[in-house]
Protein backbone atom coordinates (compact mmCIF):
# COMPACT_ATOMS: atom_id res chain seq x y z
CA UNK A 1 -76.21 36.31 89.24
CA UNK A 2 -72.74 35.78 87.79
CA UNK A 3 -72.03 35.35 84.10
CA UNK A 4 -68.74 33.73 83.10
CA UNK A 5 -67.85 33.88 79.41
CA UNK A 6 -64.92 32.33 77.60
CA UNK A 7 -63.86 31.73 74.03
CA UNK A 8 -63.59 28.30 72.50
CA UNK A 9 -60.10 26.83 72.47
CA UNK A 10 -61.06 24.88 69.34
CA UNK A 11 -62.81 27.51 67.21
CA UNK A 12 -60.54 30.57 67.15
CA UNK A 13 -62.66 32.65 64.74
CA UNK A 14 -64.23 34.93 67.37
CA UNK A 15 -63.20 38.59 67.10
CA UNK A 16 -65.00 39.67 70.31
CA UNK A 17 -63.09 41.11 73.27
CA UNK A 18 -64.80 39.35 76.16
CA UNK A 19 -63.18 41.51 78.85
CA UNK A 20 -64.45 44.72 77.26
CA UNK A 21 -67.93 43.25 76.90
CA UNK A 22 -68.05 42.22 80.56
CA UNK A 23 -66.75 45.66 81.59
CA UNK A 24 -69.94 47.17 80.14
CA UNK A 25 -71.89 45.19 82.74
CA UNK A 26 -69.68 46.02 85.71
CA UNK A 27 -67.29 43.10 85.35
CA UNK A 28 -64.02 42.57 83.57
CA UNK A 29 -61.54 40.08 82.25
CA UNK A 30 -59.28 39.90 79.24
CA UNK A 31 -59.62 39.33 75.51
CA UNK A 32 -60.52 35.64 75.83
CA UNK A 33 -62.51 35.38 79.07
CA UNK A 34 -64.39 37.47 81.59
CA UNK A 35 -67.13 37.64 84.20
CA UNK A 36 -69.72 40.05 85.49
CA UNK A 37 -72.14 40.02 88.39
CA UNK A 38 -75.59 41.55 88.01
CA UNK A 39 -78.67 41.72 90.18
CA UNK A 40 -81.09 38.83 89.91
CA UNK A 41 -83.72 41.25 88.60
CA UNK A 42 -81.47 42.28 85.68
CA UNK A 43 -80.16 38.79 84.87
CA UNK A 44 -82.53 37.90 82.01
CA UNK A 45 -82.04 41.26 80.30
CA UNK A 46 -78.25 41.14 80.63
CA UNK A 47 -78.11 37.53 79.43
CA UNK A 48 -80.07 38.56 76.35
CA UNK A 49 -77.73 41.47 75.68
CA UNK A 50 -74.59 39.36 76.10
CA UNK A 51 -75.82 36.55 73.87
CA UNK A 52 -77.02 38.91 71.15
CA UNK A 53 -73.67 40.73 71.13
CA UNK A 54 -71.74 37.47 70.79
CA UNK A 55 -73.66 36.15 67.78
């Protein structure tokens, strides 16, 4: 399962570093966008962690 995350080009209020966040899950990127690939078995857990961190 691949997760691709990017910041909004309209709402610039986000202070998250997407690349650093994706790095924690074995991926990478840069400040405004990133991806990670996780096993299908871990996908729901990782999705929950990513979404909770970005709120």
